[in-house]
PDB file of N, CA and C in Angstrom:
ATOM      1  N   MET A   1     -36.570  20.783  -1.188  1.00  0.00           N
ATOM      2  CA  MET A   1     -35.967  21.315   0.016  1.00  0.00           C
ATOM      3  C   MET A   1     -35.191  20.221   0.757  1.00  0.00           C
ATOM      4  N   ALA A   2     -35.818  19.055   0.936  1.00  0.00           N
ATOM      5  CA  ALA A   2     -35.157  17.965   1.659  1.00  0.00           C
ATOM      6  C   ALA A   2     -33.912  17.499   0.918  1.00  0.00           C
ATOM      7  N   ALA A   3     -33.991  17.510  -0.414  1.00  0.00           N
ATOM      8  CA  ALA A   3     -32.833  17.079  -1.212  1.00  0.00           C
ATOM      9  C   ALA A   3     -31.660  18.039  -1.025  1.00  0.00           C
ATOM     10  N   SER A   4     -31.937  19.326  -0.974  1.00  0.00           N
ATOM     11  CA  SER A   4     -30.852  20.287  -0.799  1.00  0.00           C
ATOM     12  C   SER A   4     -30.253  20.206   0.602  1.00  0.00           C
ATOM     13  N   VAL A   5     -31.063  19.908   1.614  1.00  0.00           N
ATOM     14  CA  VAL A   5     -30.552  19.721   2.974  1.00  0.00           C
ATOM     15  C   VAL A   5     -29.676  18.477   3.031  1.00  0.00           C
ATOM     16  N   ALA A   6     -30.124  17.384   2.395  1.00  0.00           N
ATOM     17  CA  ALA A   6     -29.339  16.151   2.362  1.00  0.00           C
ATOM     18  C   ALA A   6     -28.029  16.384   1.635  1.00  0.00           C
ATOM     19  N   LEU A   7     -28.064  17.129   0.521  1.00  0.00           N
ATOM     20  CA  LEU A   7     -26.855  17.428  -0.236  1.00  0.00           C
ATOM     21  C   LEU A   7     -25.898  18.275   0.595  1.00  0.00           C
ATOM     22  N   ALA A   8     -26.427  19.251   1.326  1.00  0.00           N
ATOM     23  CA  ALA A   8     -25.591  20.094   2.172  1.00  0.00           C
ATOM     24  C   ALA A   8     -24.923  19.273   3.268  1.00  0.00           C
ATOM     25  N   THR A   9     -25.643  18.295   3.814  1.00  0.00           N
ATOM     26  CA  THR A   9     -25.066  17.432   4.841  1.00  0.00           C
ATOM     27  C   THR A   9     -23.940  16.589   4.265  1.00  0.00           C
ATOM     28  N   VAL A  10     -24.148  16.026   3.081  1.00  0.00           N
ATOM     29  CA  VAL A  10     -23.124  15.215   2.429  1.00  0.00           C
ATOM     30  C   VAL A  10     -21.908  16.070   2.102  1.00  0.00           C
ATOM     31  N   VAL A  11     -22.142  17.253   1.563  1.00  0.00           N
ATOM     32  CA  VAL A  11     -21.042  18.133   1.190  1.00  0.00           C
ATOM     33  C   VAL A  11     -20.243  18.540   2.428  1.00  0.00           C
ATOM     34  N   SER A  12     -20.879  18.770   3.554  1.00  0.00           N
ATOM     35  CA  SER A  12     -20.148  19.184   4.749  1.00  0.00           C
ATOM     36  C   SER A  12     -19.266  18.056   5.291  1.00  0.00           C
ATOM     37  N   TRP A  13     -19.668  16.805   5.027  1.00  0.00           N
ATOM     38  CA  TRP A  13     -18.850  15.670   5.466  1.00  0.00           C
ATOM     39  C   TRP A  13     -17.760  15.319   4.464  1.00  0.00           C
ATOM     40  N   ALA A  14     -17.847  15.833   3.259  1.00  0.00           N
ATOM     41  CA  ALA A  14     -16.905  15.461   2.200  1.00  0.00           C
ATOM     42  C   ALA A  14     -15.441  15.722   2.572  1.00  0.00           C
ATOM     43  N   PRO A  15     -15.085  16.908   3.085  1.00  0.00           N
ATOM     44  CA  PRO A  15     -13.687  17.124   3.427  1.00  0.00           C
ATOM     45  C   PRO A  15     -13.194  16.187   4.539  1.00  0.00           C
ATOM     46  N   VAL A  16     -14.026  15.967   5.533  1.00  0.00           N
ATOM     47  CA  VAL A  16     -13.642  15.082   6.642  1.00  0.00           C
ATOM     48  C   VAL A  16     -13.413  13.666   6.126  1.00  0.00           C
ATOM     49  N   LEU A  17     -14.354  13.185   5.316  1.00  0.00           N
ATOM     50  CA  LEU A  17     -14.216  11.836   4.758  1.00  0.00           C
ATOM     51  C   LEU A  17     -12.999  11.738   3.847  1.00  0.00           C
ATOM     52  N   THR A  18     -12.732  12.784   3.087  1.00  0.00           N
ATOM     53  CA  THR A  18     -11.549  12.789   2.218  1.00  0.00           C
ATOM     54  C   THR A  18     -10.276  12.683   3.043  1.00  0.00           C
ATOM     55  N   TYR A  19     -10.167  13.499   4.091  1.00  0.00           N
ATOM     56  CA  TYR A  19      -8.971  13.440   4.939  1.00  0.00           C
ATOM     57  C   TYR A  19      -8.805  12.061   5.582  1.00  0.00           C
ATOM     58  N   VAL A  20      -9.882  11.528   6.114  1.00  0.00           N
ATOM     59  CA  VAL A  20      -9.808  10.241   6.814  1.00  0.00           C
ATOM     60  C   VAL A  20      -9.495   9.112   5.840  1.00  0.00           C
ATOM     61  N   LEU A  21     -10.287   8.989   4.790  1.00  0.00           N
ATOM     62  CA  LEU A  21     -10.117   7.862   3.871  1.00  0.00           C
ATOM     63  C   LEU A  21      -8.803   7.930   3.100  1.00  0.00           C
ATOM     64  N   GLN A  22      -8.432   9.101   2.636  1.00  0.00           N
ATOM     65  CA  GLN A  22      -7.172   9.210   1.896  1.00  0.00           C
ATOM     66  C   GLN A  22      -5.970   8.982   2.805  1.00  0.00           C
ATOM     67  N   SER A  23      -6.075   9.381   4.062  1.00  0.00           N
ATOM     68  CA  SER A  23      -4.998   9.104   5.011  1.00  0.00           C
ATOM     69  C   SER A  23      -4.854   7.603   5.254  1.00  0.00           C
ATOM     70  N   VAL A  24      -5.991   6.924   5.383  1.00  0.00           N
ATOM     71  CA  VAL A  24      -5.965   5.462   5.565  1.00  0.00           C
ATOM     72  C   VAL A  24      -5.368   4.790   4.331  1.00  0.00           C
ATOM     73  N   ILE A  25      -5.776   5.230   3.155  1.00  0.00           N
ATOM     74  CA  ILE A  25      -5.246   4.655   1.914  1.00  0.00           C
ATOM     75  C   ILE A  25      -3.741   4.875   1.825  1.00  0.00           C
ATOM     76  N   LEU A  26      -3.280   6.072   2.174  1.00  0.00           N
ATOM     77  CA  LEU A  26      -1.835   6.343   2.177  1.00  0.00           C
ATOM     78  C   LEU A  26      -1.094   5.435   3.156  1.00  0.00           C
ATOM     79  N   LEU A  27      -1.626   5.294   4.359  1.00  0.00           N
ATOM     80  CA  LEU A  27      -0.977   4.453   5.361  1.00  0.00           C
ATOM     81  C   LEU A  27      -0.932   2.986   4.931  1.00  0.00           C
ATOM     82  N   VAL A  28      -2.027   2.496   4.374  1.00  0.00           N
ATOM     83  CA  VAL A  28      -2.052   1.101   3.911  1.00  0.00           C
ATOM     84  C   VAL A  28      -1.046   0.902   2.789  1.00  0.00           C
ATOM     85  N   ASN A  29      -0.958   1.854   1.874  1.00  0.00           N
ATOM     86  CA  ASN A  29       0.020   1.729   0.789  1.00  0.00           C
ATOM     87  C   ASN A  29       1.447   1.784   1.339  1.00  0.00           C
ATOM     88  N   CYS A  30       1.678   2.589   2.368  1.00  0.00           N
ATOM     89  CA  CYS A  30       3.002   2.629   3.007  1.00  0.00           C
ATOM     90  C   CYS A  30       3.341   1.269   3.631  1.00  0.00           C
ATOM     91  N   VAL A  31       2.364   0.638   4.265  1.00  0.00           N
ATOM     92  CA  VAL A  31       2.584  -0.684   4.861  1.00  0.00           C
ATOM     93  C   VAL A  31       2.904  -1.712   3.776  1.00  0.00           C
ATOM     94  N   ILE A  32       2.172  -1.656   2.665  1.00  0.00           N
ATOM     95  CA  ILE A  32       2.430  -2.576   1.557  1.00  0.00           C
ATOM     96  C   ILE A  32       3.838  -2.358   1.005  1.00  0.00           C
ATOM     97  N   LEU A  33       4.197  -1.112   0.785  1.00  0.00           N
ATOM     98  CA  LEU A  33       5.529  -0.794   0.265  1.00  0.00           C
ATOM     99  C   LEU A  33       6.613  -1.234   1.242  1.00  0.00           C
ATOM    100  N   TYR A  34       6.404  -0.980   2.522  1.00  0.00           N
ATOM    101  CA  TYR A  34       7.371  -1.388   3.545  1.00  0.00           C
ATOM    102  C   TYR A  34       7.533  -2.912   3.563  1.00  0.00           C
ATOM    103  N   SER A  35       6.420  -3.637   3.476  1.00  0.00           N
ATOM    104  CA  SER A  35       6.512  -5.100   3.493  1.00  0.00           C
ATOM    105  C   SER A  35       7.225  -5.620   2.249  1.00  0.00           C
ATOM    106  N   ASN A  36       7.034  -4.955   1.116  1.00  0.00           N
ATOM    107  CA  ASN A  36       7.759  -5.342  -0.095  1.00  0.00           C
ATOM    108  C   ASN A  36       9.254  -5.099   0.054  1.00  0.00           C
ATOM    109  N   LEU A  37       9.605  -3.976   0.635  1.00  0.00           N
ATOM    110  CA  LEU A  37      11.021  -3.620   0.767  1.00  0.00           C
ATOM    111  C   LEU A  37      11.746  -4.423   1.850  1.00  0.00           C
ATOM    112  N   THR A  38      11.004  -4.946   2.802  1.00  0.00           N
ATOM    113  CA  THR A  38      11.629  -5.702   3.901  1.00  0.00           C
ATOM    114  C   THR A  38      11.268  -7.186   3.849  1.00  0.00           C
ATOM    115  N   ALA A  39      10.946  -7.680   2.670  1.00  0.00           N
ATOM    116  CA  ALA A  39      10.519  -9.078   2.538  1.00  0.00           C
ATOM    117  C   ALA A  39      11.627 -10.052   2.940  1.00  0.00           C
ATOM    118  N   VAL A  40      12.855  -9.796   2.510  1.00  0.00           N
ATOM    119  CA  VAL A  40      13.951 -10.731   2.813  1.00  0.00           C
ATOM    120  C   VAL A  40      14.171 -10.857   4.318  1.00  0.00           C
ATOM    121  N   PRO A  41      14.346  -9.749   5.058  1.00  0.00           N
ATOM    122  CA  PRO A  41      14.547  -9.913   6.501  1.00  0.00           C
ATOM    123  C   PRO A  41      13.345 -10.524   7.220  1.00  0.00           C
ATOM    124  N   SER A  42      12.137 -10.182   6.792  1.00  0.00           N
ATOM    125  CA  SER A  42      10.971 -10.716   7.506  1.00  0.00           C
ATOM    126  C   SER A  42      10.770 -12.202   7.218  1.00  0.00           C
ATOM    127  N   VAL A  43      11.015 -12.642   5.997  1.00  0.00           N
ATOM    128  CA  VAL A  43      10.905 -14.080   5.700  1.00  0.00           C
ATOM    129  C   VAL A  43      12.033 -14.842   6.400  1.00  0.00           C
ATOM    130  N   THR A  44      13.227 -14.259   6.412  1.00  0.00           N
ATOM    131  CA  THR A  44      14.352 -14.884   7.119  1.00  0.00           C
ATOM    132  C   THR A  44      14.016 -15.047   8.599  1.00  0.00           C
ATOM    133  N   ALA A  45      13.459 -14.013   9.204  1.00  0.00           N
ATOM    134  CA  ALA A  45      13.080 -14.077  10.619  1.00  0.00           C
ATOM    135  C   ALA A  45      11.974 -15.102  10.846  1.00  0.00           C
ATOM    136  N   ALA A  46      11.015 -15.169   9.938  1.00  0.00           N
ATOM    137  CA  ALA A  46       9.926 -16.141  10.069  1.00  0.00           C
ATOM    138  C   ALA A  46      10.468 -17.565   9.974  1.00  0.00           C
ATOM    139  N   PHE A  47      11.402 -17.789   9.065  1.00  0.00           N
ATOM    140  CA  PHE A  47      12.014 -19.112   8.944  1.00  0.00           C
ATOM    141  C   PHE A  47      12.804 -19.449  10.209  1.00  0.00           C
ATOM    142  N   ALA A  48      13.514 -18.461  10.765  1.00  0.00           N
ATOM    143  CA  ALA A  48      14.315 -18.694  11.974  1.00  0.00           C
ATOM    144  C   ALA A  48      13.423 -19.041  13.165  1.00  0.00           C
ATOM    145  N   ARG A  49      12.263 -18.393  13.255  1.00  0.00           N
ATOM    146  CA  ARG A  49      11.341 -18.672  14.361  1.00  0.00           C
ATOM    147  C   ARG A  49      10.816 -20.107  14.333  1.00  0.00           C
ATOM    148  N   LYS A  50      10.771 -20.706  13.162  1.00  0.00           N
ATOM    149  CA  LYS A  50      10.276 -22.079  13.043  1.00  0.00           C
ATOM    150  C   LYS A  50      11.235 -23.083  13.672  1.00  0.00           C
ATOM    151  N   GLY A  51      12.519 -22.736  13.743  1.00  0.00           N
ATOM    152  CA  GLY A  51      13.499 -23.638  14.329  1.00  0.00           C
ATOM    153  C   GLY A  51      13.791 -24.856  13.464  1.00  0.00           C
ATOM    154  N   ASP A  52      13.426 -24.808  12.208  1.00  0.00           N
ATOM    155  CA  ASP A  52      13.640 -25.914  11.273  1.00  0.00           C
ATOM    156  C   ASP A  52      15.010 -25.758  10.611  1.00  0.00           C
ATOM    157  N   GLU A  53      15.845 -26.780  10.705  1.00  0.00           N
ATOM    158  CA  GLU A  53      17.198 -26.703  10.133  1.00  0.00           C
ATOM    159  C   GLU A  53      17.169 -26.537   8.621  1.00  0.00           C
ATOM    160  N   GLU A  54      16.216 -27.191   7.982  1.00  0.00           N
ATOM    161  CA  GLU A  54      16.126 -27.087   6.524  1.00  0.00           C
ATOM    162  C   GLU A  54      15.736 -25.670   6.102  1.00  0.00           C
ATOM    163  N   LEU A  55      14.791 -25.061   6.822  1.00  0.00           N
ATOM    164  CA  LEU A  55      14.412 -23.677   6.516  1.00  0.00           C
ATOM    165  C   LEU A  55      15.563 -22.717   6.796  1.00  0.00           C
ATOM    166  N   ALA A  56      16.356 -23.012   7.808  1.00  0.00           N
ATOM    167  CA  ALA A  56      17.485 -22.138   8.162  1.00  0.00           C
ATOM    168  C   ALA A  56      18.524 -22.096   7.040  1.00  0.00           C
ATOM    169  N   ARG A  57      18.593 -23.145   6.238  1.00  0.00           N
ATOM    170  CA  ARG A  57      19.581 -23.199   5.151  1.00  0.00           C
ATOM    171  C   ARG A  57      19.085 -22.537   3.864  1.00  0.00           C
ATOM    172  N   VAL A  58      17.829 -22.159   3.813  1.00  0.00           N
ATOM    173  CA  VAL A  58      17.270 -21.556   2.596  1.00  0.00           C
ATOM    174  C   VAL A  58      17.862 -20.163   2.388  1.00  0.00           C
ATOM    175  N   ASP A  59      18.321 -19.909   1.178  1.00  0.00           N
ATOM    176  CA  ASP A  59      18.781 -18.568   0.801  1.00  0.00           C
ATOM    177  C   ASP A  59      17.531 -17.767   0.433  1.00  0.00           C
ATOM    178  N   VAL A  60      17.037 -17.020   1.406  1.00  0.00           N
ATOM    179  CA  VAL A  60      15.754 -16.317   1.241  1.00  0.00           C
ATOM    180  C   VAL A  60      15.819 -15.299   0.112  1.00  0.00           C
ATOM    181  N   ALA A  61      16.908 -14.562   0.014  1.00  0.00           N
ATOM    182  CA  ALA A  61      17.028 -13.560  -1.053  1.00  0.00           C
ATOM    183  C   ALA A  61      16.923 -14.225  -2.421  1.00  0.00           C
ATOM    184  N   ALA A  62      17.600 -15.344  -2.608  1.00  0.00           N
ATOM    185  CA  ALA A  62      17.553 -16.063  -3.887  1.00  0.00           C
ATOM    186  C   ALA A  62      16.156 -16.638  -4.128  1.00  0.00           C
ATOM    187  N   LEU A  63      15.533 -17.150  -3.064  1.00  0.00           N
ATOM    188  CA  LEU A  63      14.190 -17.706  -3.184  1.00  0.00           C
ATOM    189  C   LEU A  63      13.198 -16.636  -3.645  1.00  0.00           C
ATOM    190  N   LEU A  64      13.224 -15.482  -2.997  1.00  0.00           N
ATOM    191  CA  LEU A  64      12.296 -14.411  -3.358  1.00  0.00           C
ATOM    192  C   LEU A  64      12.596 -13.849  -4.743  1.00  0.00           C
ATOM    193  N   LYS A  65      13.886 -13.778  -5.090  1.00  0.00           N
ATOM    194  CA  LYS A  65      14.253 -13.302  -6.428  1.00  0.00           C
ATOM    195  C   LYS A  65      13.754 -14.271  -7.495  1.00  0.00           C
ATOM    196  N   ALA A  66      13.871 -15.567  -7.224  1.00  0.00           N
ATOM    197  CA  ALA A  66      13.369 -16.566  -8.173  1.00  0.00           C
ATOM    198  C   ALA A  66      11.845 -16.487  -8.287  1.00  0.00           C
ATOM    199  N   ALA A  67      11.173 -16.305  -7.166  1.00  0.00           N
ATOM    200  CA  ALA A  67       9.714 -16.187  -7.182  1.00  0.00           C
ATOM    201  C   ALA A  67       9.292 -14.945  -7.966  1.00  0.00           C
ATOM    202  N   GLU A  68      10.000 -13.858  -7.736  1.00  0.00           N
ATOM    203  CA  GLU A  68       9.700 -12.613  -8.447  1.00  0.00           C
ATOM    204  C   GLU A  68       9.968 -12.774  -9.942  1.00  0.00           C
ATOM    205  N   GLY A  69      11.010 -13.527 -10.291  1.00  0.00           N
ATOM    206  CA  GLY A  69      11.362 -13.748 -11.690  1.00  0.00           C
ATOM    207  C   GLY A  69      10.347 -14.598 -12.430  1.00  0.00           C
ATOM    208  N   GLY A  70       9.485 -15.276 -11.704  1.00  0.00           N
ATOM    209  CA  GLY A  70       8.452 -16.086 -12.337  1.00  0.00           C
ATOM    210  C   GLY A  70       7.309 -15.271 -12.915  1.00  0.00           C
ATOM    211  N   PHE A  71       7.239 -14.012 -12.550  1.00  0.00           N
ATOM    212  CA  PHE A  71       6.180 -13.144 -13.062  1.00  0.00           C
ATOM    213  C   PHE A  71       6.651 -12.440 -14.327  1.00  0.00           C
ATOM    214  N   PRO A  72       5.730 -12.055 -15.201  1.00  0.00           N
ATOM    215  CA  PRO A  72       6.120 -11.272 -16.380  1.00  0.00           C
ATOM    216  C   PRO A  72       6.702  -9.923 -15.951  1.00  0.00           C
ATOM    217  N   ALA A  73       7.533  -9.345 -16.792  1.00  0.00           N
ATOM    218  CA  ALA A  73       8.204  -8.082 -16.467  1.00  0.00           C
ATOM    219  C   ALA A  73       7.220  -6.945 -16.200  1.00  0.00           C
ATOM    220  N   TRP A  74       6.056  -6.998 -16.841  1.00  0.00           N
ATOM    221  CA  TRP A  74       5.103  -5.894 -16.680  1.00  0.00           C
ATOM    222  C   TRP A  74       4.500  -5.838 -15.282  1.00  0.00           C
ATOM    223  N   VAL A  75       4.620  -6.921 -14.507  1.00  0.00           N
ATOM    224  CA  VAL A  75       4.049  -6.920 -13.155  1.00  0.00           C
ATOM    225  C   VAL A  75       4.775  -5.898 -12.274  1.00  0.00           C
ATOM    226  N   ARG A  76       6.103  -5.841 -12.363  1.00  0.00           N
ATOM    227  CA  ARG A  76       6.860  -4.858 -11.576  1.00  0.00           C
ATOM    228  C   ARG A  76       6.501  -3.437 -12.003  1.00  0.00           C
ATOM    229  N   VAL A  77       6.365  -3.223 -13.299  1.00  0.00           N
ATOM    230  CA  VAL A  77       5.978  -1.897 -13.805  1.00  0.00           C
ATOM    231  C   VAL A  77       4.596  -1.528 -13.276  1.00  0.00           C
ATOM    232  N   LEU A  78       3.672  -2.478 -13.320  1.00  0.00           N
ATOM    233  CA  LEU A  78       2.315  -2.244 -12.823  1.00  0.00           C
ATOM    234  C   LEU A  78       2.323  -1.950 -11.320  1.00  0.00           C
ATOM    235  N   GLN A  79       3.143  -2.682 -10.572  1.00  0.00           N
ATOM    236  CA  GLN A  79       3.237  -2.469  -9.127  1.00  0.00           C
ATOM    237  C   GLN A  79       3.751  -1.060  -8.826  1.00  0.00           C
ATOM    238  N   ASN A  80       4.791  -0.644  -9.529  1.00  0.00           N
ATOM    239  CA  ASN A  80       5.336   0.702  -9.314  1.00  0.00           C
ATOM    240  C   ASN A  80       4.354   1.779  -9.747  1.00  0.00           C
ATOM    241  N   ALA A  81       3.643   1.531 -10.840  1.00  0.00           N
ATOM    242  CA  ALA A  81       2.631   2.490 -11.292  1.00  0.00           C
ATOM    243  C   ALA A  81       1.504   2.603 -10.259  1.00  0.00           C
ATOM    244  N   ARG A  82       1.111   1.473  -9.683  1.00  0.00           N
ATOM    245  CA  ARG A  82       0.056   1.502  -8.659  1.00  0.00           C
ATOM    246  C   ARG A  82       0.497   2.342  -7.473  1.00  0.00           C
ATOM    247  N   HIS A  83       1.734   2.137  -7.012  1.00  0.00           N
ATOM    248  CA  HIS A  83       2.230   2.948  -5.891  1.00  0.00           C
ATOM    249  C   HIS A  83       2.223   4.433  -6.252  1.00  0.00           C
ATOM    250  N   ALA A  84       2.679   4.760  -7.442  1.00  0.00           N
ATOM    251  CA  ALA A  84       2.720   6.165  -7.868  1.00  0.00           C
ATOM    252  C   ALA A  84       1.315   6.764  -7.924  1.00  0.00           C
ATOM    253  N   VAL A  85       0.358   6.012  -8.463  1.00  0.00           N
ATOM    254  CA  VAL A  85      -1.012   6.518  -8.573  1.00  0.00           C
ATOM    255  C   VAL A  85      -1.628   6.686  -7.181  1.00  0.00           C
ATOM    256  N   VAL A  86      -1.440   5.694  -6.312  1.00  0.00           N
ATOM    257  CA  VAL A  86      -2.034   5.778  -4.975  1.00  0.00           C
ATOM    258  C   VAL A  86      -1.436   6.953  -4.197  1.00  0.00           C
ATOM    259  N   PHE A  87      -0.108   7.051  -4.177  1.00  0.00           N
ATOM    260  CA  PHE A  87       0.516   8.160  -3.458  1.00  0.00           C
ATOM    261  C   PHE A  87       0.125   9.502  -4.075  1.00  0.00           C
ATOM    262  N   GLY A  88       0.243   9.609  -5.394  1.00  0.00           N
ATOM    263  CA  GLY A  88      -0.055  10.872  -6.067  1.00  0.00           C
ATOM    264  C   GLY A  88      -1.503  11.303  -5.912  1.00  0.00           C
ATOM    265  N   ALA A  89      -2.423  10.382  -6.153  1.00  0.00           N
ATOM    266  CA  ALA A  89      -3.846  10.722  -6.075  1.00  0.00           C
ATOM    267  C   ALA A  89      -4.271  11.043  -4.646  1.00  0.00           C
ATOM    268  N   SER A  90      -3.760  10.297  -3.683  1.00  0.00           N
ATOM    269  CA  SER A  90      -4.134  10.560  -2.292  1.00  0.00           C
ATOM    270  C   SER A  90      -3.604  11.911  -1.827  1.00  0.00           C
ATOM    271  N   ILE A  91      -2.355  12.180  -2.146  1.00  0.00           N
ATOM    272  CA  ILE A  91      -1.773  13.471  -1.762  1.00  0.00           C
ATOM    273  C   ILE A  91      -2.500  14.611  -2.477  1.00  0.00           C
ATOM    274  N   ALA A  92      -2.801  14.418  -3.758  1.00  0.00           N
ATOM    275  CA  ALA A  92      -3.527  15.449  -4.503  1.00  0.00           C
ATOM    276  C   ALA A  92      -4.913  15.689  -3.899  1.00  0.00           C
ATOM    277  N   ALA A  93      -5.606  14.627  -3.538  1.00  0.00           N
ATOM    278  CA  ALA A  93      -6.940  14.772  -2.945  1.00  0.00           C
ATOM    279  C   ALA A  93      -6.868  15.542  -1.635  1.00  0.00           C
ATOM    280  N   ILE A  94      -5.881  15.238  -0.808  1.00  0.00           N
ATOM    281  CA  ILE A  94      -5.734  15.935   0.477  1.00  0.00           C
ATOM    282  C   ILE A  94      -5.389  17.408   0.253  1.00  0.00           C
ATOM    283  N   VAL A  95      -4.462  17.676  -0.652  1.00  0.00           N
ATOM    284  CA  VAL A  95      -4.052  19.064  -0.906  1.00  0.00           C
ATOM    285  C   VAL A  95      -5.199  19.865  -1.525  1.00  0.00           C
ATOM    286  N   ILE A  96      -5.877  19.285  -2.506  1.00  0.00           N
ATOM    287  CA  ILE A  96      -6.994  19.996  -3.142  1.00  0.00           C
ATOM    288  C   ILE A  96      -8.112  20.267  -2.137  1.00  0.00           C
ATOM    289  N   THR A  97      -8.371  19.292  -1.272  1.00  0.00           N
ATOM    290  CA  THR A  97      -9.396  19.485  -0.239  1.00  0.00           C
ATOM    291  C   THR A  97      -8.982  20.599   0.715  1.00  0.00           C
ATOM    292  N   ALA A  98      -7.721  20.641   1.072  1.00  0.00           N
ATOM    293  CA  ALA A  98      -7.233  21.672   1.981  1.00  0.00           C
ATOM    294  C   ALA A  98      -7.332  23.074   1.351  1.00  0.00           C
ATOM    295  N   LEU A  99      -7.107  23.145   0.051  1.00  0.00           N
ATOM    296  CA  LEU A  99      -7.131  24.437  -0.633  1.00  0.00           C
ATOM    297  C   LEU A  99      -8.549  24.892  -0.997  1.00  0.00           C
ATOM    298  N   ALA A 100      -9.502  23.966  -0.972  1.00  0.00           N
ATOM    299  CA  ALA A 100     -10.876  24.305  -1.371  1.00  0.00           C
ATOM    300  C   ALA A 100     -11.588  25.121  -0.310  1.00  0.00           C
TER     301      ALA A 100
END
């Protein structure tokens, strides 16, 4: 009897936890994606805030492209696959929970 009551309590919280946690996961992935897409302007701004003349002369786009080029090609594929899985799975979990 106690086990079924505990299970019922867990099951009743399942949709709420799914909505909350999957929403947080989606938002965090959006922040990661946004930071990846805006890396050049944000690094440029960070260098400018330092007030260092040498940093001001750095071609940030070339620097980041060179850094990115140091990784194997499969890293970009893996990164894009991770974004697709996180977005797809989170959206699917929310939709399936809503339809259940």
